[in-house]
């Protein structure tokens, strides 16, 4: 299982908040090293736009070139700089110079993405055969230490599936596993 790597720089947080860059990182996580052409095809964007976003992710240390994967000296292949899961302490980052704006953008981006995932999971207009959709909600009584152990087990389980399925396979599509582990909201169900 991968360790946790804290994000301490508001500029990195802003890079993570960008939806295209987040999608590129997800694709690298699911598939392994990528070329701009791979990203362009998978995301349906122009290759020059994919290349720009890859360079921006590299600028902030989130990805790096993987020359051993290249076909020749002109071929640029990119990989994640770490296998660790990124962790974000928003209250700490807010205190850094430029942090309030970065945290605001990150929160807004992640909230929009969470809403999109939930809306898509419950949208009945998806044709049959368009993939597996599932939603589950479980309430558990846990101590904070037990909740952290559960998080680690869930991360390890998903990580083992990533290792088994990583790579470019035309029969596979990228899936997203979205789960929240948090104390039950005390807002009366609102």
N, C-alpha and C. Protein backbone atom coordinates (compact mmCIF):
# COMPACT_ATOMS: atom_id res chain seq x y z
N UNK A 1 0.84 -1.18 0.00
CA UNK A 1 0.00 0.00 0.00
C UNK A 1 0.88 1.24 0.00
N UNK A 2 0.45 2.26 -0.71
CA UNK A 2 1.20 3.51 -0.81
C UNK A 2 1.06 4.32 0.47
N UNK A 3 2.10 5.06 0.79
CA UNK A 3 2.06 5.97 1.93
C UNK A 3 1.27 7.21 1.54
N UNK A 4 1.18 8.14 2.49
CA UNK A 4 0.51 9.41 2.24
C UNK A 4 1.56 10.49 2.02
N UNK A 5 1.35 11.33 1.03
CA UNK A 5 2.25 12.44 0.75
C UNK A 5 1.47 13.73 0.92
N UNK A 6 1.86 14.58 1.89
CA UNK A 6 1.10 15.81 2.10
C UNK A 6 1.37 16.84 0.99
N UNK A 7 0.35 17.60 0.66
CA UNK A 7 0.47 18.73 -0.25
C UNK A 7 0.64 19.96 0.62
N UNK A 8 1.78 20.64 0.50
CA UNK A 8 2.09 21.78 1.36
C UNK A 8 2.14 23.10 0.61
N UNK A 9 2.00 23.10 -0.70
CA UNK A 9 2.16 24.28 -1.52
C UNK A 9 0.82 24.66 -2.16
N UNK A 10 0.32 25.87 -1.91
CA UNK A 10 -0.95 26.28 -2.52
C UNK A 10 -0.93 26.22 -4.05
N UNK A 11 0.24 26.40 -4.67
CA UNK A 11 0.31 26.31 -6.14
C UNK A 11 0.04 24.89 -6.61
N UNK A 12 0.50 23.91 -5.85
CA UNK A 12 0.22 22.51 -6.17
C UNK A 12 -1.28 22.24 -6.01
N UNK A 13 -1.86 22.81 -4.95
CA UNK A 13 -3.30 22.64 -4.72
C UNK A 13 -4.10 23.22 -5.88
N UNK A 14 -3.67 24.37 -6.41
CA UNK A 14 -4.35 24.97 -7.56
C UNK A 14 -4.23 24.06 -8.79
N UNK A 15 -3.06 23.45 -8.97
CA UNK A 15 -2.88 22.52 -10.10
C UNK A 15 -3.81 21.33 -9.95
N UNK A 16 -3.97 20.84 -8.73
CA UNK A 16 -4.86 19.71 -8.48
C UNK A 16 -6.33 20.08 -8.67
N UNK A 17 -6.65 21.36 -8.48
CA UNK A 17 -8.05 21.81 -8.60
C UNK A 17 -8.51 21.90 -10.04
N UNK A 18 -7.59 21.96 -10.98
CA UNK A 18 -7.96 22.10 -12.39
C UNK A 18 -8.57 20.78 -12.88
N UNK A 19 -9.80 20.79 -13.42
CA UNK A 19 -10.46 19.54 -13.78
C UNK A 19 -9.72 18.71 -14.83
N UNK A 20 -9.11 19.32 -15.82
CA UNK A 20 -8.39 18.56 -16.84
C UNK A 20 -7.15 17.92 -16.23
N UNK A 21 -6.46 18.67 -15.40
CA UNK A 21 -5.25 18.12 -14.77
C UNK A 21 -5.59 17.00 -13.81
N UNK A 22 -6.69 17.16 -13.09
CA UNK A 22 -7.14 16.08 -12.21
C UNK A 22 -7.46 14.82 -13.00
N UNK A 23 -8.10 15.00 -14.15
CA UNK A 23 -8.45 13.85 -15.00
C UNK A 23 -7.18 13.20 -15.55
N UNK A 24 -6.18 14.00 -15.90
CA UNK A 24 -4.91 13.44 -16.38
C UNK A 24 -4.25 12.62 -15.28
N UNK A 25 -4.23 13.15 -14.07
CA UNK A 25 -3.64 12.40 -12.96
C UNK A 25 -4.39 11.10 -12.72
N UNK A 26 -5.72 11.14 -12.84
CA UNK A 26 -6.51 9.91 -12.70
C UNK A 26 -6.13 8.90 -13.77
N UNK A 27 -5.92 9.36 -14.99
CA UNK A 27 -5.57 8.46 -16.09
C UNK A 27 -4.19 7.85 -15.87
N UNK A 28 -3.24 8.64 -15.38
CA UNK A 28 -1.91 8.11 -15.08
C UNK A 28 -2.01 7.09 -13.95
N UNK A 29 -2.84 7.38 -12.95
CA UNK A 29 -3.02 6.45 -11.84
C UNK A 29 -3.62 5.13 -12.33
N UNK A 30 -4.57 5.21 -13.25
CA UNK A 30 -5.24 4.01 -13.75
C UNK A 30 -4.40 3.24 -14.77
N UNK A 31 -3.69 3.96 -15.64
CA UNK A 31 -3.02 3.32 -16.77
C UNK A 31 -1.51 3.21 -16.64
N UNK A 32 -0.91 4.05 -15.84
CA UNK A 32 0.54 4.10 -15.80
C UNK A 32 1.03 5.21 -16.73
N UNK A 33 2.31 5.17 -17.14
CA UNK A 33 2.89 6.23 -17.95
C UNK A 33 2.07 6.52 -19.22
N UNK A 34 2.02 7.82 -19.58
CA UNK A 34 1.22 8.26 -20.74
C UNK A 34 2.02 9.23 -21.60
N UNK A 35 1.60 9.32 -22.85
CA UNK A 35 2.08 10.33 -23.78
C UNK A 35 0.96 11.35 -23.94
N UNK A 36 1.29 12.52 -24.44
CA UNK A 36 0.26 13.54 -24.69
C UNK A 36 -0.81 13.00 -25.62
N UNK A 37 -0.42 12.20 -26.61
CA UNK A 37 -1.40 11.63 -27.55
C UNK A 37 -2.38 10.70 -26.84
N UNK A 38 -1.88 9.94 -25.85
CA UNK A 38 -2.76 9.06 -25.06
C UNK A 38 -3.80 9.89 -24.31
N UNK A 39 -3.31 10.95 -23.67
CA UNK A 39 -4.19 11.83 -22.89
C UNK A 39 -5.21 12.49 -23.80
N UNK A 40 -4.76 12.99 -24.93
CA UNK A 40 -5.65 13.67 -25.88
C UNK A 40 -6.76 12.72 -26.33
N UNK A 41 -6.40 11.49 -26.66
CA UNK A 41 -7.39 10.51 -27.13
C UNK A 41 -8.37 10.17 -26.00
N UNK A 42 -7.85 9.91 -24.82
CA UNK A 42 -8.69 9.49 -23.70
C UNK A 42 -9.64 10.60 -23.23
N UNK A 43 -9.15 11.85 -23.23
CA UNK A 43 -9.95 12.97 -22.74
C UNK A 43 -10.71 13.70 -23.83
N UNK A 44 -10.39 13.39 -25.10
CA UNK A 44 -11.06 14.08 -26.21
C UNK A 44 -10.67 15.54 -26.32
N UNK A 45 -9.37 15.83 -26.08
CA UNK A 45 -8.87 17.20 -26.18
C UNK A 45 -7.74 17.23 -27.20
N UNK A 46 -7.39 18.40 -27.73
CA UNK A 46 -6.27 18.49 -28.67
C UNK A 46 -4.95 18.08 -27.99
N UNK A 47 -4.05 17.50 -28.77
CA UNK A 47 -2.77 17.03 -28.25
C UNK A 47 -1.95 18.17 -27.65
N UNK A 48 -2.02 19.38 -28.27
CA UNK A 48 -1.24 20.49 -27.72
C UNK A 48 -1.78 20.91 -26.35
N UNK A 49 -3.08 20.80 -26.14
CA UNK A 49 -3.67 21.11 -24.83
C UNK A 49 -3.24 20.05 -23.81
N UNK A 50 -3.26 18.80 -24.21
CA UNK A 50 -2.82 17.72 -23.32
C UNK A 50 -1.36 17.93 -22.93
N UNK A 51 -0.53 18.28 -23.90
CA UNK A 51 0.89 18.51 -23.66
C UNK A 51 1.09 19.67 -22.68
N UNK A 52 0.34 20.75 -22.86
CA UNK A 52 0.42 21.91 -21.95
C UNK A 52 0.11 21.49 -20.52
N UNK A 53 -0.99 20.75 -20.33
CA UNK A 53 -1.39 20.35 -18.98
C UNK A 53 -0.38 19.37 -18.37
N UNK A 54 0.20 18.50 -19.18
CA UNK A 54 1.25 17.60 -18.68
C UNK A 54 2.46 18.40 -18.19
N UNK A 55 2.84 19.41 -18.95
CA UNK A 55 3.98 20.24 -18.53
C UNK A 55 3.66 21.01 -17.24
N UNK A 56 2.42 21.46 -17.09
CA UNK A 56 2.03 22.16 -15.87
C UNK A 56 2.09 21.20 -14.66
N UNK A 57 1.61 19.98 -14.84
CA UNK A 57 1.68 19.01 -13.75
C UNK A 57 3.13 18.70 -13.38
N UNK A 58 4.00 18.66 -14.39
CA UNK A 58 5.42 18.43 -14.13
C UNK A 58 6.04 19.64 -13.41
N UNK A 59 5.62 20.83 -13.80
CA UNK A 59 6.13 22.05 -13.17
C UNK A 59 5.91 22.03 -11.65
N UNK A 60 4.81 21.45 -11.21
CA UNK A 60 4.49 21.42 -9.79
C UNK A 60 4.86 20.09 -9.13
N UNK A 61 5.66 19.28 -9.84
CA UNK A 61 6.21 18.08 -9.24
C UNK A 61 5.26 16.92 -9.09
N UNK A 62 4.13 16.94 -9.79
CA UNK A 62 3.16 15.86 -9.67
C UNK A 62 3.44 14.72 -10.64
N UNK A 63 4.08 15.03 -11.77
CA UNK A 63 4.50 14.02 -12.73
C UNK A 63 5.91 14.35 -13.19
N UNK A 64 6.53 13.39 -13.86
CA UNK A 64 7.88 13.58 -14.40
C UNK A 64 8.01 12.76 -15.67
N UNK A 65 9.02 13.07 -16.46
CA UNK A 65 9.25 12.30 -17.67
C UNK A 65 9.74 10.90 -17.30
N UNK A 66 9.38 9.94 -18.14
CA UNK A 66 9.80 8.55 -17.97
C UNK A 66 10.57 8.15 -19.22
N UNK A 67 11.84 8.58 -19.34
CA UNK A 67 12.60 8.35 -20.57
C UNK A 67 12.76 6.87 -20.93
N UNK A 68 12.76 6.00 -19.94
CA UNK A 68 12.89 4.56 -20.22
C UNK A 68 11.68 4.00 -20.95
N UNK A 69 10.56 4.72 -20.92
CA UNK A 69 9.34 4.30 -21.61
C UNK A 69 9.27 4.85 -23.04
N UNK A 70 10.15 5.80 -23.36
CA UNK A 70 10.11 6.48 -24.66
C UNK A 70 10.63 5.57 -25.78
N UNK A 71 10.06 5.76 -26.97
CA UNK A 71 10.48 5.00 -28.15
C UNK A 71 11.77 5.57 -28.74
N UNK A 72 11.95 6.91 -28.60
CA UNK A 72 13.15 7.57 -29.09
C UNK A 72 13.34 8.86 -28.30
N UNK A 73 14.35 9.65 -28.67
CA UNK A 73 14.66 10.86 -27.90
C UNK A 73 13.58 11.93 -27.97
N UNK A 74 12.77 11.92 -29.03
CA UNK A 74 11.71 12.94 -29.16
C UNK A 74 10.41 12.53 -28.47
N UNK A 75 10.27 11.27 -28.15
CA UNK A 75 9.05 10.73 -27.53
C UNK A 75 9.04 11.09 -26.05
N UNK A 76 8.02 11.85 -25.62
CA UNK A 76 7.90 12.25 -24.21
C UNK A 76 6.81 11.41 -23.55
N UNK A 77 7.22 10.67 -22.54
CA UNK A 77 6.31 9.84 -21.77
C UNK A 77 6.36 10.34 -20.33
N UNK A 78 5.20 10.40 -19.70
CA UNK A 78 5.08 10.97 -18.35
C UNK A 78 4.55 9.93 -17.37
N UNK A 79 5.04 10.01 -16.14
CA UNK A 79 4.58 9.13 -15.06
C UNK A 79 4.40 9.96 -13.79
N UNK A 80 3.67 9.40 -12.85
CA UNK A 80 3.50 10.06 -11.54
C UNK A 80 4.84 10.09 -10.82
N UNK A 81 5.08 11.13 -10.05
CA UNK A 81 6.34 11.22 -9.31
C UNK A 81 6.33 10.36 -8.06
N UNK A 82 5.16 9.93 -7.64
CA UNK A 82 5.06 9.11 -6.44
C UNK A 82 3.88 8.17 -6.56
N UNK A 83 3.98 7.07 -5.86
CA UNK A 83 2.83 6.16 -5.77
C UNK A 83 2.03 6.45 -4.51
N UNK A 84 2.49 7.41 -3.73
CA UNK A 84 1.80 7.76 -2.49
C UNK A 84 0.49 8.49 -2.80
N UNK A 85 -0.47 8.31 -1.93
CA UNK A 85 -1.71 9.07 -2.03
C UNK A 85 -1.44 10.48 -1.51
N UNK A 86 -1.96 11.46 -2.21
CA UNK A 86 -1.79 12.84 -1.77
C UNK A 86 -2.80 13.16 -0.69
N UNK A 87 -2.36 13.82 0.36
CA UNK A 87 -3.26 14.27 1.41
C UNK A 87 -3.20 15.79 1.46
N UNK A 88 -4.33 16.37 1.79
CA UNK A 88 -4.45 17.82 1.78
C UNK A 88 -5.02 18.27 3.11
N UNK A 89 -4.28 19.13 3.83
CA UNK A 89 -4.76 19.74 5.06
C UNK A 89 -5.16 21.17 4.69
N UNK A 90 -6.46 21.35 4.41
CA UNK A 90 -6.93 22.64 3.90
C UNK A 90 -6.74 23.77 4.90
N UNK A 91 -6.95 23.52 6.18
CA UNK A 91 -6.80 24.61 7.15
C UNK A 91 -5.34 25.05 7.24
N UNK A 92 -4.41 24.13 7.11
CA UNK A 92 -2.99 24.48 7.11
C UNK A 92 -2.63 25.26 5.84
N UNK A 93 -3.11 24.80 4.71
CA UNK A 93 -2.80 25.47 3.44
C UNK A 93 -3.41 26.87 3.36
N UNK A 94 -4.55 27.09 4.00
CA UNK A 94 -5.18 28.42 3.99
C UNK A 94 -4.27 29.47 4.62
N UNK A 95 -3.43 29.07 5.56
CA UNK A 95 -2.55 30.02 6.25
C UNK A 95 -1.32 30.39 5.42
N UNK A 96 -1.03 29.63 4.37
CA UNK A 96 0.14 29.92 3.52
C UNK A 96 -0.18 31.08 2.58
N UNK A 97 0.85 31.81 2.12
CA UNK A 97 0.61 32.88 1.14
C UNK A 97 -0.09 32.32 -0.11
N UNK A 98 -1.19 32.94 -0.48
CA UNK A 98 -1.98 32.48 -1.63
C UNK A 98 -2.86 31.29 -1.32
N UNK A 99 -2.85 30.87 -0.07
CA UNK A 99 -3.56 29.66 0.32
C UNK A 99 -5.07 29.77 0.32
N UNK A 100 -5.60 30.92 0.75
CA UNK A 100 -7.07 31.06 0.81
C UNK A 100 -7.70 30.88 -0.56
N UNK A 101 -7.11 31.51 -1.57
CA UNK A 101 -7.65 31.39 -2.92
C UNK A 101 -7.49 29.97 -3.44
N UNK A 102 -6.33 29.37 -3.20
CA UNK A 102 -6.09 28.00 -3.66
C UNK A 102 -7.07 27.03 -3.01
N UNK A 103 -7.29 27.17 -1.71
CA UNK A 103 -8.22 26.29 -0.99
C UNK A 103 -9.64 26.50 -1.52
N UNK A 104 -10.03 27.75 -1.76
CA UNK A 104 -11.36 28.03 -2.30
C UNK A 104 -11.55 27.34 -3.66
N UNK A 105 -10.57 27.47 -4.54
CA UNK A 105 -10.65 26.83 -5.86
C UNK A 105 -10.69 25.31 -5.74
N UNK A 106 -9.87 24.77 -4.87
CA UNK A 106 -9.82 23.32 -4.68
C UNK A 106 -11.15 22.80 -4.15
N UNK A 107 -11.68 23.47 -3.12
CA UNK A 107 -12.98 23.05 -2.56
C UNK A 107 -14.08 23.10 -3.62
N UNK A 108 -14.13 24.21 -4.35
CA UNK A 108 -15.16 24.36 -5.38
C UNK A 108 -15.03 23.27 -6.44
N UNK A 109 -13.81 22.97 -6.86
CA UNK A 109 -13.58 21.94 -7.86
C UNK A 109 -13.98 20.56 -7.35
N UNK A 110 -13.58 20.22 -6.14
CA UNK A 110 -13.90 18.90 -5.58
C UNK A 110 -15.39 18.76 -5.29
N UNK A 111 -16.03 19.83 -4.85
CA UNK A 111 -17.48 19.78 -4.62
C UNK A 111 -18.22 19.55 -5.94
N UNK A 112 -17.82 20.26 -6.96
CA UNK A 112 -18.45 20.09 -8.28
C UNK A 112 -18.24 18.67 -8.79
N UNK A 113 -17.03 18.14 -8.62
CA UNK A 113 -16.74 16.78 -9.08
C UNK A 113 -17.57 15.76 -8.30
N UNK A 114 -17.67 15.93 -6.99
CA UNK A 114 -18.48 15.03 -6.17
C UNK A 114 -19.95 15.06 -6.58
N UNK A 115 -20.48 16.25 -6.81
CA UNK A 115 -21.87 16.37 -7.28
C UNK A 115 -22.03 15.69 -8.63
N UNK A 116 -21.08 15.88 -9.53
CA UNK A 116 -21.15 15.27 -10.86
C UNK A 116 -21.18 13.74 -10.75
N UNK A 117 -20.32 13.17 -9.90
CA UNK A 117 -20.29 11.72 -9.75
C UNK A 117 -21.60 11.17 -9.21
N UNK A 118 -22.14 11.83 -8.19
CA UNK A 118 -23.40 11.37 -7.61
C UNK A 118 -24.54 11.53 -8.62
N UNK A 119 -24.61 12.67 -9.29
CA UNK A 119 -25.66 12.89 -10.29
C UNK A 119 -25.58 11.82 -11.38
N UNK A 120 -24.37 11.53 -11.84
CA UNK A 120 -24.19 10.54 -12.91
C UNK A 120 -24.60 9.15 -12.44
N UNK A 121 -24.27 8.79 -11.21
CA UNK A 121 -24.61 7.46 -10.69
C UNK A 121 -26.12 7.26 -10.61
N UNK A 122 -26.86 8.34 -10.37
CA UNK A 122 -28.30 8.21 -10.22
C UNK A 122 -29.08 8.65 -11.45
N UNK A 123 -28.39 8.96 -12.52
CA UNK A 123 -29.05 9.37 -13.77
C UNK A 123 -29.58 8.12 -14.47
N UNK A 124 -30.87 8.05 -14.66
CA UNK A 124 -31.48 6.87 -15.27
C UNK A 124 -31.41 6.87 -16.79
N UNK A 125 -30.84 7.92 -17.39
CA UNK A 125 -30.77 8.00 -18.85
C UNK A 125 -29.61 7.21 -19.44
N UNK A 126 -28.74 6.63 -18.61
CA UNK A 126 -27.61 5.87 -19.14
C UNK A 126 -28.12 4.59 -19.79
N UNK A 127 -27.71 4.32 -21.01
CA UNK A 127 -28.17 3.09 -21.67
C UNK A 127 -27.57 1.86 -21.01
N UNK A 128 -28.31 0.76 -21.10
CA UNK A 128 -27.78 -0.50 -20.57
C UNK A 128 -26.49 -0.84 -21.29
N UNK A 129 -25.57 -1.42 -20.59
CA UNK A 129 -24.30 -1.78 -21.19
C UNK A 129 -23.30 -0.64 -21.21
N UNK A 130 -23.64 0.49 -20.58
CA UNK A 130 -22.72 1.63 -20.59
C UNK A 130 -21.78 1.60 -19.40
N UNK A 131 -21.67 0.47 -18.74
CA UNK A 131 -20.75 0.34 -17.62
C UNK A 131 -21.48 -0.05 -16.35
N UNK A 132 -20.71 -0.36 -15.33
CA UNK A 132 -21.26 -0.74 -14.03
C UNK A 132 -21.34 0.50 -13.17
N UNK A 133 -22.52 0.74 -12.62
CA UNK A 133 -22.73 1.86 -11.71
C UNK A 133 -23.24 1.28 -10.40
N UNK A 134 -22.70 1.73 -9.31
CA UNK A 134 -23.19 1.27 -8.02
C UNK A 134 -23.04 2.41 -7.02
N UNK A 135 -23.89 2.39 -6.04
CA UNK A 135 -23.80 3.35 -4.95
C UNK A 135 -24.12 2.60 -3.67
N UNK A 136 -23.36 2.84 -2.65
CA UNK A 136 -23.60 2.19 -1.36
C UNK A 136 -23.34 3.19 -0.25
N UNK A 137 -24.10 3.08 0.78
CA UNK A 137 -23.92 3.93 1.94
C UNK A 137 -24.00 3.04 3.17
N UNK A 138 -23.01 3.12 4.04
CA UNK A 138 -22.95 2.28 5.22
C UNK A 138 -22.69 3.18 6.43
N UNK A 139 -23.38 2.92 7.52
CA UNK A 139 -23.11 3.62 8.78
C UNK A 139 -22.41 2.64 9.71
N UNK A 140 -21.31 3.07 10.29
CA UNK A 140 -20.52 2.23 11.18
C UNK A 140 -20.21 3.00 12.47
N UNK A 141 -20.09 2.29 13.56
CA UNK A 141 -19.64 2.87 14.83
C UNK A 141 -18.14 2.60 14.91
N UNK A 142 -17.33 3.66 14.87
CA UNK A 142 -15.88 3.52 14.86
C UNK A 142 -15.22 4.54 15.77
N UNK A 143 -14.08 4.18 16.31
CA UNK A 143 -13.22 5.18 16.94
C UNK A 143 -12.46 5.86 15.79
N UNK A 144 -11.81 6.98 16.09
CA UNK A 144 -11.01 7.64 15.05
C UNK A 144 -9.90 6.71 14.54
N UNK A 145 -9.30 5.94 15.44
CA UNK A 145 -8.24 5.01 15.03
C UNK A 145 -8.81 3.91 14.12
N UNK A 146 -10.00 3.41 14.45
CA UNK A 146 -10.62 2.39 13.60
C UNK A 146 -10.99 2.97 12.24
N UNK A 147 -11.46 4.22 12.22
CA UNK A 147 -11.78 4.86 10.94
C UNK A 147 -10.52 4.98 10.07
N UNK A 148 -9.40 5.32 10.70
CA UNK A 148 -8.14 5.41 9.96
C UNK A 148 -7.72 4.03 9.44
N UNK A 149 -7.91 2.98 10.25
CA UNK A 149 -7.62 1.62 9.79
C UNK A 149 -8.50 1.23 8.61
N UNK A 150 -9.78 1.59 8.66
CA UNK A 150 -10.69 1.30 7.55
C UNK A 150 -10.24 2.03 6.29
N UNK A 151 -9.83 3.29 6.43
CA UNK A 151 -9.33 4.05 5.28
C UNK A 151 -8.14 3.34 4.66
N UNK A 152 -7.22 2.89 5.50
CA UNK A 152 -6.04 2.19 5.01
C UNK A 152 -6.41 0.90 4.28
N UNK A 153 -7.36 0.16 4.83
CA UNK A 153 -7.79 -1.08 4.18
C UNK A 153 -8.46 -0.81 2.84
N UNK A 154 -9.31 0.23 2.78
CA UNK A 154 -9.95 0.59 1.52
C UNK A 154 -8.90 1.02 0.49
N UNK A 155 -7.95 1.85 0.92
CA UNK A 155 -6.87 2.28 0.02
C UNK A 155 -6.08 1.08 -0.50
N UNK A 156 -5.78 0.12 0.39
CA UNK A 156 -5.02 -1.07 0.00
C UNK A 156 -5.81 -1.91 -1.00
N UNK A 157 -7.10 -2.06 -0.77
CA UNK A 157 -7.93 -2.85 -1.69
C UNK A 157 -7.95 -2.22 -3.07
N UNK A 158 -8.22 -0.91 -3.13
CA UNK A 158 -8.24 -0.22 -4.42
C UNK A 158 -6.85 -0.26 -5.05
N UNK A 159 -5.81 -0.08 -4.24
CA UNK A 159 -4.44 -0.14 -4.74
C UNK A 159 -4.10 -1.49 -5.35
N UNK A 160 -4.59 -2.58 -4.75
CA UNK A 160 -4.31 -3.90 -5.32
C UNK A 160 -5.00 -4.07 -6.67
N UNK A 161 -6.19 -3.51 -6.83
CA UNK A 161 -6.88 -3.55 -8.13
C UNK A 161 -6.14 -2.68 -9.15
N UNK A 162 -5.62 -1.55 -8.72
CA UNK A 162 -4.84 -0.70 -9.64
C UNK A 162 -3.63 -1.46 -10.17
N UNK A 163 -2.92 -2.13 -9.29
CA UNK A 163 -1.72 -2.88 -9.71
C UNK A 163 -2.09 -4.00 -10.68
N UNK A 164 -3.20 -4.69 -10.42
CA UNK A 164 -3.61 -5.80 -11.30
C UNK A 164 -4.05 -5.34 -12.68
N UNK A 165 -4.60 -4.13 -12.76
CA UNK A 165 -5.25 -3.71 -14.01
C UNK A 165 -4.55 -2.56 -14.71
N UNK A 166 -3.45 -2.06 -14.16
CA UNK A 166 -2.75 -0.90 -14.75
C UNK A 166 -2.23 -1.26 -16.12
N UNK A 167 -2.35 -0.32 -17.03
CA UNK A 167 -1.83 -0.49 -18.38
C UNK A 167 -2.88 -0.12 -19.41
N UNK A 168 -2.48 -0.16 -20.64
CA UNK A 168 -3.38 0.19 -21.74
C UNK A 168 -3.95 -1.10 -22.31
N UNK A 169 -5.22 -1.32 -22.09
CA UNK A 169 -5.92 -2.50 -22.58
C UNK A 169 -7.20 -2.00 -23.22
N UNK A 170 -7.39 -2.30 -24.50
CA UNK A 170 -8.54 -1.77 -25.23
C UNK A 170 -9.87 -2.26 -24.68
N UNK A 171 -9.87 -3.34 -23.92
CA UNK A 171 -11.12 -3.84 -23.35
C UNK A 171 -11.48 -3.16 -22.04
N UNK A 172 -10.54 -2.44 -21.46
CA UNK A 172 -10.79 -1.78 -20.18
C UNK A 172 -11.10 -0.31 -20.40
N UNK A 173 -11.93 0.23 -19.54
CA UNK A 173 -12.16 1.67 -19.49
C UNK A 173 -11.81 2.15 -18.09
N UNK A 174 -11.57 3.43 -17.95
CA UNK A 174 -11.23 3.98 -16.65
C UNK A 174 -12.49 4.12 -15.81
N UNK A 175 -12.45 3.56 -14.62
CA UNK A 175 -13.53 3.70 -13.64
C UNK A 175 -13.04 4.60 -12.53
N UNK A 176 -13.96 5.22 -11.83
CA UNK A 176 -13.62 6.03 -10.67
C UNK A 176 -14.30 5.40 -9.45
N UNK A 177 -13.54 5.24 -8.39
CA UNK A 177 -14.07 4.78 -7.10
C UNK A 177 -14.09 6.02 -6.21
N UNK A 178 -15.27 6.40 -5.80
CA UNK A 178 -15.44 7.61 -4.99
C UNK A 178 -16.05 7.19 -3.67
N UNK A 179 -15.31 7.36 -2.58
CA UNK A 179 -15.90 7.06 -1.28
C UNK A 179 -15.52 8.15 -0.30
N UNK A 180 -16.41 8.36 0.63
CA UNK A 180 -16.18 9.32 1.70
C UNK A 180 -16.19 8.55 3.01
N UNK A 181 -15.26 8.85 3.85
CA UNK A 181 -15.25 8.31 5.19
C UNK A 181 -15.15 9.52 6.11
N UNK A 182 -16.21 9.77 6.85
CA UNK A 182 -16.24 10.96 7.71
C UNK A 182 -17.23 10.72 8.84
N UNK A 183 -17.08 11.46 9.95
CA UNK A 183 -18.10 11.37 10.99
C UNK A 183 -19.46 11.77 10.39
N UNK A 184 -20.49 11.13 10.90
CA UNK A 184 -21.83 11.42 10.39
C UNK A 184 -22.13 12.90 10.56
N UNK A 185 -22.61 13.57 9.51
CA UNK A 185 -22.90 15.02 9.61
C UNK A 185 -23.95 15.30 10.69
N UNK A 186 -23.70 16.30 11.50
CA UNK A 186 -24.62 16.69 12.56
C UNK A 186 -25.49 17.87 12.13
N UNK A 187 -25.95 17.83 10.88
CA UNK A 187 -26.74 18.97 10.38
C UNK A 187 -28.21 18.60 10.19
N UNK A 188 -28.67 17.57 10.90
CA UNK A 188 -30.07 17.20 10.82
C UNK A 188 -30.45 16.62 9.47
N UNK A 189 -29.50 16.09 8.73
CA UNK A 189 -29.81 15.47 7.44
C UNK A 189 -29.94 16.45 6.29
N UNK A 190 -29.57 17.71 6.49
CA UNK A 190 -29.73 18.72 5.43
C UNK A 190 -28.61 18.62 4.44
